[in-house]
Structures are given as structure tokens and as C-alpha cells.
Amino acid sequence: MTVLAHRTDTLTRDALAVLQPGFEGTTAPDWLLRQVGEGLTAVGLFGRNITSPEQLAALTAQLRTERDDVLVAIDEEGGDVTRLEVRGGSSFPGNLALGAVDDTDLTRGVARELGRRLAECGVNLNWAPSADVNSNPDNPVIGVRSFGADTHLAARHTAAYVQGLQAAGVAACTKHFPGHGDTNVDSHHALPRIDVDLDTLQARELVPFKAAIEAGTKAVMSAHILVPALDPTRPATLSPQILTGLLRGELGYEGLIVTDGMEMHAIAGTYGIERGSVLAIAAGADAICVGGGLADEATVLRLRDALVAAVREGALPEERLADAAARVRALAAWTRGARPDAQPEGSRASGIGLTAARRAVLVTGSTKPLTAPYVATLAPVANIAVGDETPWGVAAELAELLPGTEAGVFPEGSGAEDVLAAAGDRTVVAVVRDAHRHPWMTEALDALVAARPDTVVVEMGLPRARPHGALYIATHGASRVCGRAAAEVIAGV
């Protein structure tokens, strides 16, 4: 092999190594196995790839026939954002519920059990936890994915989550650096901007990331957000000042830096995914996450070739690409050698997720015992991170406890009159998600309570508005176990 051919082969393998692509289907397609064999070191999984733990374990085993240290990544936050249980809802509450309980041992235990389940299925990199401080209650994309609005609470639970997940042998990827909590725009759709000064960033946004670094997080995910106090022109994912200067330099982080999904409009709609990927690696990122929307071989080849061309044209230093690839391979080596810590006796059977969800429930008021209520779910459009394929609410759980329960879903534009017409004489259980962000929802609740003072209200998002109804239940999340915990309160069990 000539020197030029060897260099080309090395560049190609390094370019493949820094990609974390997705794919369609529940088995690995031939093209993906071929690319893994040629140097692809990581694969991202989404809800479309998973039907059961057994199927997922078979899929990850299939990938490892080509490379035994392949990184298999997933966006499994628990709570509202679940891929492992996308069709039925998560067995774990999300971050806001854990923050509401404020028991770091519980958070560590939940993350440990979640990590065990992932590891059992062959998943070794989790794009979680969210370390964002939800300082803006109108945030459309973080909300219950955050441990809360208190900086130090978010920091201690972020650290506990990282410790628990990695104790199971699964690498944590703390996100979304340098902090996505103070935004009112979803970066899936546009480029958010955070206009705060450096002192605020240091005292608020960066504190949970410092805690995660001290806890040993193996990866950090960048945010597609513009923070002018740090870089007035480029979003964090593409900013040398933020990734290399701040994260590597000032905070001393030495692990893997992963981008958020490059096909999100904040990047794809402004820079394009090829140029964006080159700029991200040049800025200090080590791995390119792509595959939530673009999930084919053509995308992988486009990005591989864009990185190789950038090196040849001098737009991307060859040593920077080589360093990024080396960091990916180092994490892959860690996961292959990771040995889970001993699990506390009996913790698998303890139902820690439901226990946590029960502890997180906040109840205001009271009501008489119900027999067969009508559950009216006022359903907003889900953000892309959560997705609309995962069921949520209390109807199914309540029907198990109170036979004869009936239910309906009411989309935006519905009003109290629609609910009352469907409910008839039954007591109404109105279920909402972030009612404070949806005026139509708040108006419907006000009218319902005025017409039926015995209405029960279950808030499964951020509890911010004044309590409505004779009984008001805040679950701090919409996972299946949160629904179960609320149903138990309503049924009096």
C-alpha cells in the first residue's frame, strides 16, 4: 500500500469513527454492518428500532458480529423521553419528578436500574442526563426533562444520575452544553438564543455540567443554541470558544464531546449538515449525532466524504479529526471493559421507578371516592424530543383501578363544552401537560371547574399555574409510572 493510499484509508476510517448514525428497521441493514466493518464505531438507536428487550438484545448482538466494541447509543432519559419503552411508556419517572423528591440516593438508584436494563440489551452509551436548569418555565423543549429550576438541585441530581448510570457499565452523555434551560425556542425547529451575561452563565447554566464532569461523565452533548456572551456568531455545537475554550480549557473536560442531532433545523437549516459537521469537529466536537431524521447509507457517506474533503482542502486539521476519532475509540474501549458495580440486594424487584413516581406526586385538595369517572386528556402537540408515539395520561391506569372508567382525547381547540358533552353525568378527571403554556388548555380547565366544581385535575407537565379543581395532582412528568401514581391517588388506593 502506498503512503497516499494508507493516508486515505486512515482518513476514511477516522471520518467514519466520528459518526453516530441511525437507521430504519429492527435489524441492522447490510449497509450498516458494512460500514461498521469499514470503521464506523458508533450507531444510534431510536424508538423505530425497538420492539422489545429481546429484539433489542438481538440487534445489538448483530452489530457486534462486525465490531465487538461498537458504541450503541440511545436517547433514553426515562420519563417522557423513552426509546426503550416507546410503545407503552417508561417504567421510570423523568428528571423533574426526581428533582421534586430531591433524594440523590433515589436518583442514583433509578439511573442504576435504567442502566442495568440498557446494558442487558447491549446498549452502552446513553444520551442522558439532561443537566439543563429549567430557568424559563415557558421552555418548549426542556421542561420536565430538567431536574428543576434550582441550579444546585440540578447539579447534585445530574451528578447522581451520571454515577448511577455508569455504575451499570453504561456511559452517560450529559446534555445540552452549555445549557438549554433558558430558551423559548425548540432547536429542532430554529436556532435558540440565550442573552445572559457571563456571570449568570457561570452561576447557573454551567454548575450542573461542572458537577457532571466531577462525577466522571464519559460524554457531554453540545446544544444548538447561540450564547452571545460566549460566542456572538456561532451556536455552541460549532463554536471553538465554547467547546474547546470553555469545555476543554476552562472546565478541564477530557471525555467525548457529542453533538446534538445535526439534522435539527438549528444546524441543518442554517449551515447544512455537511458543513455543520465539519465545523463541529473543527470546533472541538468528537462525534456527530445524525439519524433521527436522516437514517440511510447515503447520509453516512455524505458526511464521511465531507470530513475527508475538508482535511484535504485544509479546512479541518488532520490531527483534529484523528484526535476526535481516538476519543471515540477510547470510549468504545471503556465500554467493552466496563464491569457493572455490585447491585444492591433485591433492587431489581423493588419497583424503584414506581416508588419514585409515587414520592414525586404533589396533591392539593380532596374529593369523594370516585366510581367510574370520565378521563378527558387535553392533549398538546408533543415536541420532537418526546415524540407523539408514546402513550401518556392516566386513563388506562385508572381504568384498571376503577372499572367502568371512560376516556377521550381532546386536541387544541377543544373546550369545556366538548368535555362536558362527552362526560355526561360522570365526574371529570381532566389531564393536562404544561397547561401554563397553552391558553386554550387553561381556559378549558377554568370553565370545567366553574361548571363542575368536583373536577379532578392532573397536571403531568410543569406544575406552575394555580391549582384547579377539587383535587389537583401534579405528577412532574408523564411517564407510565407517573400516570399510575396519579391513578392510585384518584382511586384512593
Protein backbone atom coordinates (compact mmCIF):
# COMPACT_ATOMS: atom_id res chain seq x y z
CA MET A 1 0.00 0.00 0.00
CA THR A 2 1.35 3.42 -0.94
CA VAL A 3 1.69 6.20 1.61
CA LEU A 4 -1.11 8.14 -0.12
CA ALA A 5 -3.42 5.11 -0.10
CA HIS A 6 -2.65 4.46 3.56
CA ARG A 7 -3.39 8.10 4.44
CA THR A 8 -6.64 7.96 2.50
CA ASP A 9 -7.65 4.77 4.28
CA THR A 10 -6.79 6.30 7.67
CA LEU A 11 -8.74 9.46 6.92
CA THR A 12 -11.75 7.46 5.78
CA ARG A 13 -11.74 5.29 8.89
CA ASP A 14 -11.32 8.30 11.16
CA ALA A 15 -14.18 10.09 9.40
CA LEU A 16 -16.41 7.06 9.87
CA ALA A 17 -15.36 6.69 13.50
CA VAL A 18 -16.71 10.11 14.46
CA LEU A 19 -20.21 9.48 13.10
CA GLN A 20 -23.14 8.23 15.19
CA PRO A 21 -25.79 7.46 12.55
CA GLY A 22 -29.24 5.97 12.83
CA PHE A 23 -31.04 3.53 10.55
CA GLU A 24 -34.51 2.22 9.77
CA GLY A 25 -35.81 -1.13 10.94
CA THR A 26 -35.46 -3.52 13.85
CA THR A 27 -32.49 -5.43 12.43
CA ALA A 28 -29.25 -3.95 11.20
CA PRO A 29 -29.33 -3.39 7.43
CA ASP A 30 -26.49 -4.73 5.31
CA TRP A 31 -25.17 -1.24 4.60
CA LEU A 32 -24.81 -0.50 8.30
CA LEU A 33 -22.96 -3.73 9.02
CA ARG A 34 -20.68 -3.00 6.08
CA GLN A 35 -19.87 0.50 7.38
CA VAL A 36 -19.22 -0.86 10.89
CA GLY A 37 -16.79 -3.30 9.33
CA GLU A 38 -15.10 -0.42 7.50
CA GLY A 39 -14.59 1.76 10.57
CA LEU A 40 -17.91 3.08 11.84
CA THR A 41 -17.55 2.92 15.63
CA ALA A 42 -20.98 4.04 16.86
CA VAL A 43 -24.63 3.57 15.99
CA GLY A 44 -27.63 5.49 17.33
CA LEU A 45 -30.93 3.82 18.17
CA PHE A 46 -34.38 5.40 18.16
CA GLY A 47 -37.88 4.25 19.03
CA ARG A 48 -38.41 2.94 15.48
CA ASN A 49 -35.62 0.39 16.06
CA ILE A 50 -37.07 -1.20 19.20
CA THR A 51 -39.99 -3.54 19.81
CA SER A 52 -38.88 -5.48 22.91
CA PRO A 53 -35.83 -6.05 25.12
CA GLU A 54 -35.25 -9.41 23.42
CA GLN A 55 -35.35 -7.89 19.94
CA LEU A 56 -33.02 -5.08 21.04
CA ALA A 57 -30.52 -7.54 22.52
CA ALA A 58 -30.54 -9.49 19.24
CA LEU A 59 -29.98 -6.27 17.28
CA THR A 60 -27.00 -5.16 19.36
CA ALA A 61 -25.52 -8.68 19.16
CA GLN A 62 -25.88 -8.47 15.38
CA LEU A 63 -23.94 -5.20 15.34
CA ARG A 64 -21.18 -6.72 17.44
CA THR A 65 -20.60 -9.51 14.96
CA GLU A 66 -18.85 -6.80 12.91
CA ARG A 67 -17.13 -4.98 15.78
CA ASP A 68 -17.17 -6.16 19.36
CA ASP A 69 -16.58 -2.70 20.83
CA VAL A 70 -19.15 -0.79 18.79
CA LEU A 71 -20.83 2.01 20.72
CA VAL A 72 -24.58 1.54 20.70
CA ALA A 73 -26.18 4.82 21.75
CA ILE A 74 -29.75 5.63 22.70
CA ASP A 75 -31.76 8.63 23.87
CA GLU A 76 -33.22 7.04 26.99
CA GLU A 77 -33.88 9.70 29.61
CA GLY A 78 -36.69 7.79 31.26
CA GLY A 79 -39.82 9.80 31.97
CA ASP A 80 -41.31 11.49 28.93
CA VAL A 81 -38.35 10.70 26.66
CA THR A 82 -38.11 6.95 26.28
CA ARG A 83 -36.98 4.77 23.40
CA LEU A 84 -36.66 1.53 25.32
CA GLU A 85 -40.38 1.64 26.20
CA VAL A 86 -41.60 3.89 23.42
CA ARG A 87 -44.82 1.96 22.84
CA GLY A 88 -46.00 1.62 26.42
CA GLY A 89 -44.42 4.44 28.39
CA SER A 90 -41.44 4.42 30.71
CA SER A 91 -41.13 2.40 33.90
CA PHE A 92 -39.23 5.34 35.38
CA PRO A 93 -40.19 8.92 36.17
CA GLY A 94 -38.16 11.62 34.49
CA ASN A 95 -35.81 14.22 35.87
CA LEU A 96 -38.37 16.71 37.15
CA ALA A 97 -40.03 14.05 39.29
CA LEU A 98 -36.65 13.01 40.71
CA GLY A 99 -35.82 16.64 41.41
CA ALA A 100 -39.18 17.11 43.14
CA VAL A 101 -38.37 14.24 45.51
CA ASP A 102 -34.82 15.57 45.93
CA ASP A 103 -33.28 12.34 47.15
CA THR A 104 -29.97 11.83 45.38
CA ASP A 105 -29.79 8.20 46.50
CA LEU A 106 -33.11 7.63 44.76
CA THR A 107 -31.91 9.37 41.59
CA ARG A 108 -28.73 7.30 41.64
CA GLY A 109 -30.77 4.13 42.11
CA VAL A 110 -33.18 4.95 39.29
CA ALA A 111 -30.30 5.66 36.90
CA ARG A 112 -28.54 2.48 38.04
CA GLU A 113 -31.59 0.34 37.31
CA LEU A 114 -32.20 2.07 33.98
CA GLY A 115 -28.56 1.48 33.09
CA ARG A 116 -28.84 -2.18 34.02
CA ARG A 117 -31.75 -2.63 31.65
CA LEU A 118 -29.88 -0.87 28.85
CA ALA A 119 -26.74 -2.92 29.44
CA GLU A 120 -28.78 -6.14 29.42
CA CYS A 121 -29.93 -5.18 25.93
CA GLY A 122 -26.41 -4.37 24.74
CA VAL A 123 -26.71 -0.56 24.85
CA ASN A 124 -23.58 1.07 26.24
CA LEU A 125 -23.96 4.83 25.63
CA ASN A 126 -26.97 6.80 26.82
CA TRP A 127 -27.58 10.35 25.58
CA ALA A 128 -28.65 11.36 29.10
CA PRO A 129 -29.00 13.00 31.57
CA SER A 130 -30.27 16.47 30.80
CA ALA A 131 -28.33 18.87 33.02
CA ASP A 132 -30.24 21.92 31.84
CA VAL A 133 -31.52 24.28 34.55
CA ASN A 134 -35.13 24.96 33.53
CA SER A 135 -34.97 28.63 34.44
CA ASN A 136 -37.51 29.58 31.76
CA PRO A 137 -40.84 27.91 32.60
CA ASP A 138 -42.07 28.56 29.05
CA ASN A 139 -39.26 26.46 27.60
CA PRO A 140 -40.93 24.32 24.90
CA VAL A 141 -38.34 21.53 24.70
CA ILE A 142 -36.78 21.02 28.17
CA GLY A 143 -39.44 21.38 30.87
CA VAL A 144 -39.87 18.11 32.76
CA ARG A 145 -36.64 16.80 31.20
CA SER A 146 -34.79 19.06 33.66
CA PHE A 147 -34.31 18.27 37.33
CA GLY A 148 -35.72 21.72 38.05
CA ALA A 149 -35.17 25.47 38.10
CA ASP A 150 -32.80 25.41 41.07
CA THR A 151 -29.18 25.32 39.92
CA HIS A 152 -27.71 23.38 42.80
CA LEU A 153 -30.55 20.88 42.89
CA ALA A 154 -29.98 20.23 39.18
CA ALA A 155 -26.25 19.86 39.81
CA ARG A 156 -26.46 17.31 42.60
CA HIS A 157 -29.01 15.18 40.73
CA THR A 158 -27.06 15.36 37.49
CA ALA A 159 -24.02 14.02 39.32
CA ALA A 160 -26.06 11.28 40.99
CA TYR A 161 -27.59 10.24 37.67
CA VAL A 162 -24.18 10.04 35.99
CA GLN A 163 -22.84 7.94 38.84
CA GLY A 164 -25.81 5.56 38.78
CA LEU A 165 -25.82 5.08 35.03
CA GLN A 166 -22.09 4.47 34.80
CA ALA A 167 -22.17 2.10 37.76
CA ALA A 168 -24.17 -0.14 35.42
CA GLY A 169 -21.42 -0.01 32.80
CA VAL A 170 -23.29 2.42 30.52
CA ALA A 171 -21.57 5.67 29.55
CA ALA A 172 -23.50 8.83 30.42
CA CYS A 173 -23.74 11.69 27.94
CA THR A 174 -24.63 14.84 29.88
CA LYS A 175 -26.55 17.41 27.82
CA HIS A 176 -27.17 20.08 26.44
CA PHE A 177 -23.95 22.07 26.94
CA PRO A 178 -23.67 24.91 27.86
CA GLY A 179 -27.32 24.76 28.98
CA HIS A 180 -30.66 24.78 27.11
CA GLY A 181 -32.90 25.76 30.02
CA ASP A 182 -33.34 29.48 29.38
CA THR A 183 -34.76 29.20 25.86
CA ASN A 184 -38.22 29.77 24.43
CA VAL A 185 -37.43 28.17 21.06
CA ASP A 186 -37.10 24.47 20.24
CA SER A 187 -33.78 23.87 18.44
CA HIS A 188 -35.45 21.13 16.42
CA HIS A 189 -37.21 23.96 14.58
CA ALA A 190 -34.99 27.05 14.85
CA LEU A 191 -31.84 28.41 16.50
CA PRO A 192 -32.49 29.45 20.13
CA ARG A 193 -30.61 32.35 21.68
CA ILE A 194 -29.69 32.88 25.33
CA ASP A 195 -28.98 36.51 26.16
CA VAL A 196 -27.45 36.40 29.61
CA ASP A 197 -24.10 37.64 30.86
CA LEU A 198 -21.06 35.56 31.76
CA ASP A 199 -21.69 35.82 35.48
CA THR A 200 -25.17 34.33 35.07
CA LEU A 201 -23.84 31.52 32.90
CA GLN A 202 -21.16 30.69 35.43
CA ALA A 203 -23.55 30.77 38.38
CA ARG A 204 -26.46 28.99 36.70
CA GLU A 205 -26.02 27.07 33.42
CA LEU A 206 -22.51 25.73 33.94
CA VAL A 207 -22.84 24.49 37.52
CA PRO A 208 -24.58 21.15 36.69
CA PHE A 209 -22.04 20.46 33.93
CA LYS A 210 -19.19 21.04 36.35
CA ALA A 211 -20.85 18.56 38.70
CA ALA A 212 -21.19 16.02 35.88
CA ILE A 213 -17.53 16.40 34.97
CA GLU A 214 -16.52 15.91 38.60
CA ALA A 215 -18.75 12.80 38.67
CA GLY A 216 -16.81 11.42 35.70
CA THR A 217 -19.32 11.70 32.86
CA LYS A 218 -17.89 9.88 29.86
CA ALA A 219 -19.55 12.15 27.31
CA VAL A 220 -21.08 15.62 27.01
CA MET A 221 -23.57 16.63 24.32
CA SER A 222 -23.46 20.11 22.85
CA ALA A 223 -26.53 22.30 22.31
CA HIS A 224 -27.56 24.00 19.10
CA ILE A 225 -28.00 27.35 20.86
CA LEU A 226 -26.48 30.78 20.35
CA VAL A 227 -24.96 32.26 23.50
CA PRO A 228 -23.58 35.69 22.52
CA ALA A 229 -21.73 36.13 25.83
CA LEU A 230 -19.58 33.16 24.81
CA ASP A 231 -19.67 33.36 21.01
CA PRO A 232 -21.71 36.02 19.20
CA THR A 233 -21.71 34.29 15.82
CA ARG A 234 -21.78 30.51 16.10
CA PRO A 235 -24.04 28.13 18.04
CA ALA A 236 -22.36 26.09 20.76
CA THR A 237 -22.07 22.95 18.63
CA LEU A 238 -19.94 24.84 16.09
CA SER A 239 -18.07 27.15 18.47
CA PRO A 240 -14.35 26.69 19.24
CA GLN A 241 -14.73 29.22 22.07
CA ILE A 242 -17.42 27.09 23.73
CA LEU A 243 -16.28 23.53 23.03
CA THR A 244 -12.50 23.93 23.11
CA GLY A 245 -12.03 27.14 25.08
CA LEU A 246 -14.73 26.69 27.73
CA LEU A 247 -15.49 22.97 27.97
CA ARG A 248 -11.98 21.63 27.35
CA GLY A 249 -9.94 24.56 28.60
CA GLU A 250 -11.74 26.28 31.44
CA LEU A 251 -13.71 23.28 32.73
CA GLY A 252 -10.93 20.77 32.07
CA TYR A 253 -13.16 18.17 30.42
CA GLU A 254 -11.26 15.34 28.70
CA GLY A 255 -14.06 12.96 27.65
CA LEU A 256 -16.07 12.63 24.47
CA ILE A 257 -17.96 15.62 23.09
CA VAL A 258 -21.03 14.59 21.07
CA THR A 259 -23.19 16.93 19.02
CA ASP A 260 -26.94 17.04 19.28
CA GLY A 261 -28.71 15.80 16.14
CA MET A 262 -27.20 17.57 13.16
CA GLU A 263 -30.38 17.34 11.11
CA MET A 264 -32.17 19.56 13.62
CA HIS A 265 -33.17 22.78 11.89
CA ALA A 266 -30.95 24.95 14.09
CA ILE A 267 -27.98 23.48 12.18
CA ALA A 268 -29.39 21.86 9.04
CA GLY A 269 -31.44 24.94 8.18
CA THR A 270 -28.57 27.38 8.66
CA TYR A 271 -25.27 25.65 7.88
CA GLY A 272 -26.34 22.35 6.35
CA ILE A 273 -25.35 19.01 7.87
CA GLU A 274 -22.14 18.54 5.84
CA ARG A 275 -20.68 21.96 6.59
CA GLY A 276 -22.09 21.84 10.09
CA SER A 277 -20.38 18.51 10.78
CA VAL A 278 -17.02 19.80 9.55
CA LEU A 279 -17.34 22.96 11.67
CA ALA A 280 -18.37 20.92 14.71
CA ILE A 281 -15.32 18.65 14.55
CA ALA A 282 -13.06 21.64 13.90
CA ALA A 283 -14.60 23.40 16.92
CA GLY A 284 -13.78 20.50 19.23
CA ALA A 285 -16.64 18.01 18.94
CA ASP A 286 -15.60 14.36 18.64
CA ALA A 287 -18.78 12.65 17.48
CA ILE A 288 -21.54 13.66 15.10
CA CYS A 289 -25.04 12.56 16.05
CA VAL A 290 -27.25 12.12 13.00
CA GLY A 291 -30.06 9.72 12.28
CA GLY A 292 -33.19 10.97 13.98
CA GLY A 293 -34.50 12.08 10.60
CA LEU A 294 -31.79 11.08 8.13
CA ALA A 295 -31.14 7.37 8.52
CA ASP A 296 -29.58 5.89 5.39
CA GLU A 297 -26.21 4.98 3.95
CA ALA A 298 -26.19 7.99 1.66
CA THR A 299 -26.15 10.31 4.69
CA VAL A 300 -23.24 8.43 6.26
CA LEU A 301 -21.25 8.57 3.03
CA ARG A 302 -22.03 12.27 2.52
CA LEU A 303 -20.73 13.14 5.97
CA ARG A 304 -17.72 10.84 5.71
CA ASP A 305 -16.73 12.36 2.38
CA ALA A 306 -17.32 15.92 3.63
CA LEU A 307 -14.92 15.35 6.53
CA VAL A 308 -12.27 13.76 4.33
CA ALA A 309 -12.56 16.56 1.77
CA ALA A 310 -12.28 19.19 4.50
CA VAL A 311 -8.98 17.67 5.67
CA ARG A 312 -7.61 17.55 2.14
CA GLU A 313 -8.66 21.14 1.48
CA GLY A 314 -7.17 22.41 4.75
CA ALA A 315 -10.50 23.39 6.32
CA LEU A 316 -10.16 20.72 9.03
CA PRO A 317 -6.78 19.85 10.56
CA GLU A 318 -5.99 16.18 10.08
CA GLU A 319 -4.78 15.90 13.67
CA ARG A 320 -8.13 17.26 14.95
CA LEU A 321 -10.04 14.55 13.08
CA ALA A 322 -7.58 11.93 14.33
CA ASP A 323 -7.95 13.18 17.91
CA ALA A 324 -11.74 13.05 17.67
CA ALA A 325 -11.64 9.50 16.31
CA ALA A 326 -9.24 8.45 19.06
CA ARG A 327 -11.62 9.76 21.73
CA VAL A 328 -14.49 7.77 20.22
CA ARG A 329 -12.38 4.62 20.17
CA ALA A 330 -11.24 5.24 23.74
CA LEU A 331 -14.84 5.38 24.94
CA ALA A 332 -15.62 2.23 22.96
CA ALA A 333 -12.72 0.52 24.72
CA TRP A 334 -14.02 1.69 28.11
CA THR A 335 -17.46 0.26 27.49
CA ARG A 336 -16.01 -3.08 26.40
CA GLY A 337 -14.04 -3.33 29.62
CA ALA A 338 -16.65 -1.81 31.95
CA ARG A 339 -17.77 -4.05 34.78
CA PRO A 340 -21.03 -3.06 36.50
CA ASP A 341 -20.79 -2.37 40.21
CA ALA A 342 -22.49 -4.83 42.51
CA GLN A 343 -26.21 -4.13 42.61
CA PRO A 344 -27.95 -3.73 45.97
CA GLU A 345 -29.69 -6.91 47.07
CA GLY A 346 -33.26 -7.10 45.84
CA SER A 347 -33.14 -3.81 43.91
CA ARG A 348 -34.41 -5.36 40.68
CA ALA A 349 -37.67 -6.40 42.30
CA SER A 350 -38.13 -3.22 44.31
CA GLY A 351 -40.07 -1.33 41.64
CA ILE A 352 -37.85 1.69 42.12
CA GLY A 353 -39.42 3.57 39.21
CA LEU A 354 -42.95 3.38 40.59
CA THR A 355 -41.67 4.12 44.08
CA ALA A 356 -40.01 7.28 42.79
CA ALA A 357 -43.13 8.31 40.86
CA ARG A 358 -45.31 7.89 43.94
CA ARG A 359 -42.96 10.01 46.02
CA ALA A 360 -42.97 12.75 43.39
CA VAL A 361 -46.76 13.26 43.36
CA LEU A 362 -47.98 16.56 44.81
CA VAL A 363 -51.63 16.58 45.90
CA THR A 364 -53.77 19.64 46.69
CA GLY A 365 -57.37 19.39 47.87
CA SER A 366 -59.55 16.31 48.20
CA THR A 367 -62.57 14.67 46.64
CA LYS A 368 -65.09 11.99 47.41
CA PRO A 369 -64.26 8.44 46.25
CA LEU A 370 -64.95 8.01 42.54
CA THR A 371 -66.58 5.04 40.89
CA ALA A 372 -66.45 5.32 37.10
CA PRO A 373 -65.16 8.78 36.11
CA TYR A 374 -64.63 10.27 32.68
CA VAL A 375 -60.96 10.96 31.89
CA ALA A 376 -60.55 13.88 29.49
CA THR A 377 -56.99 14.26 28.23
CA LEU A 378 -56.35 17.77 26.88
CA ALA A 379 -53.51 16.94 24.52
CA PRO A 380 -50.99 19.48 23.23
CA VAL A 381 -48.74 18.71 20.28
CA ALA A 382 -45.70 16.85 21.61
CA ASN A 383 -42.23 18.23 20.97
CA ILE A 384 -39.97 16.17 18.74
CA ALA A 385 -37.69 15.03 21.56
CA VAL A 386 -40.63 13.44 23.35
CA GLY A 387 -42.46 12.28 20.23
CA ASP A 388 -46.15 11.56 19.85
CA GLU A 389 -45.91 7.77 19.62
CA THR A 390 -45.54 7.17 23.37
CA PRO A 391 -48.85 6.99 25.25
CA TRP A 392 -49.33 9.19 28.30
CA GLY A 393 -52.04 10.10 30.74
CA VAL A 394 -53.98 8.31 33.46
CA ALA A 395 -56.89 6.75 31.57
CA ALA A 396 -55.50 3.25 31.13
CA GLU A 397 -54.09 3.10 34.64
CA LEU A 398 -57.27 4.44 36.23
CA ALA A 399 -59.46 2.00 34.27
CA GLU A 400 -57.55 -0.86 35.90
CA LEU A 401 -58.34 0.51 39.35
CA LEU A 402 -61.86 1.81 38.66
CA PRO A 403 -63.67 -0.46 36.19
CA GLY A 404 -66.15 1.38 34.02
CA THR A 405 -63.91 4.42 33.59
CA GLU A 406 -64.38 6.04 30.19
CA ALA A 407 -61.99 8.37 28.40
CA GLY A 408 -61.48 10.74 25.50
CA VAL A 409 -58.68 12.81 23.99
CA PHE A 410 -59.29 16.49 23.25
CA PRO A 411 -56.79 18.30 20.96
CA GLU A 412 -56.05 22.00 20.74
CA GLY A 413 -59.19 23.96 20.03
CA SER A 414 -61.34 21.85 22.30
CA GLY A 415 -63.26 23.49 25.10
CA ALA A 416 -65.05 22.64 28.31
CA GLU A 417 -68.32 22.16 26.44
CA ASP A 418 -66.76 19.34 24.40
CA VAL A 419 -65.57 17.58 27.54
CA LEU A 420 -68.87 18.01 29.37
CA ALA A 421 -70.85 16.69 26.41
CA ALA A 422 -68.71 13.56 26.33
CA ALA A 423 -68.62 13.08 30.10
CA GLY A 424 -72.36 13.30 30.76
CA ASP A 425 -73.04 12.92 34.48
CA ARG A 426 -69.65 11.33 35.27
CA THR A 427 -67.07 13.10 37.38
CA VAL A 428 -64.45 14.59 35.10
CA VAL A 429 -60.76 13.84 35.51
CA ALA A 430 -59.02 16.45 33.34
CA VAL A 431 -55.45 15.52 32.40
CA VAL A 432 -53.12 18.21 31.07
CA ARG A 433 -49.49 18.70 30.18
CA ASP A 434 -47.90 22.13 30.73
CA ALA A 435 -51.25 23.89 30.96
CA HIS A 436 -49.49 27.19 31.66
CA ARG A 437 -48.00 27.17 28.14
CA HIS A 438 -51.34 26.55 26.39
CA PRO A 439 -54.01 29.23 26.85
CA TRP A 440 -56.72 27.05 25.31
CA MET A 441 -56.00 24.41 27.93
CA THR A 442 -56.14 26.84 30.85
CA GLU A 443 -59.41 28.30 29.54
CA ALA A 444 -60.92 24.83 29.28
CA LEU A 445 -59.85 24.00 32.84
CA ASP A 446 -61.30 27.21 34.24
CA ALA A 447 -64.61 26.57 32.51
CA LEU A 448 -64.69 22.93 33.59
CA VAL A 449 -64.10 23.75 37.23
CA ALA A 450 -66.71 26.51 37.11
CA ALA A 451 -69.27 24.11 35.66
CA ARG A 452 -68.23 21.10 37.70
CA PRO A 453 -66.53 22.04 40.99
CA ASP A 454 -65.81 18.35 41.67
CA THR A 455 -63.49 18.13 38.63
CA VAL A 456 -60.17 16.40 39.30
CA VAL A 457 -57.17 17.94 37.53
CA VAL A 458 -53.96 16.03 36.84
CA GLU A 459 -51.01 18.13 35.63
CA MET A 460 -48.39 15.87 34.03
CA GLY A 461 -46.09 18.64 32.88
CA LEU A 462 -44.55 21.55 34.71
CA PRO A 463 -46.84 22.48 37.63
CA ARG A 464 -46.89 26.25 37.56
CA ALA A 465 -50.40 27.61 37.29
CA ARG A 466 -52.63 27.88 40.34
CA PRO A 467 -54.24 24.58 41.31
CA HIS A 468 -57.55 23.86 39.60
CA GLY A 469 -60.35 21.56 40.71
CA ALA A 470 -61.48 19.89 43.90
CA LEU A 471 -58.43 17.65 43.67
CA TYR A 472 -55.25 18.80 41.93
CA ILE A 473 -52.47 16.28 41.31
CA ALA A 474 -49.05 17.26 39.95
CA THR A 475 -47.02 14.25 38.78
CA HIS A 476 -43.97 16.17 37.48
CA GLY A 477 -43.88 14.06 34.33
CA ALA A 478 -46.00 11.96 32.01
CA SER A 479 -44.34 8.54 32.07
CA ARG A 480 -46.43 5.41 32.61
CA VAL A 481 -45.46 5.15 36.28
CA CYS A 482 -46.38 8.80 36.83
CA GLY A 483 -49.80 8.00 35.42
CA ARG A 484 -50.06 5.01 37.72
CA ALA A 485 -49.13 7.08 40.76
CA ALA A 486 -51.81 9.67 39.94
CA ALA A 487 -54.41 6.96 39.31
CA GLU A 488 -53.72 5.49 42.74
CA VAL A 489 -54.39 8.87 44.37
CA ILE A 490 -57.64 9.31 42.46
CA ALA A 491 -58.81 5.78 43.25
CA GLY A 492 -57.76 6.08 46.89
CA VAL A 493 -55.53 3.03 46.89
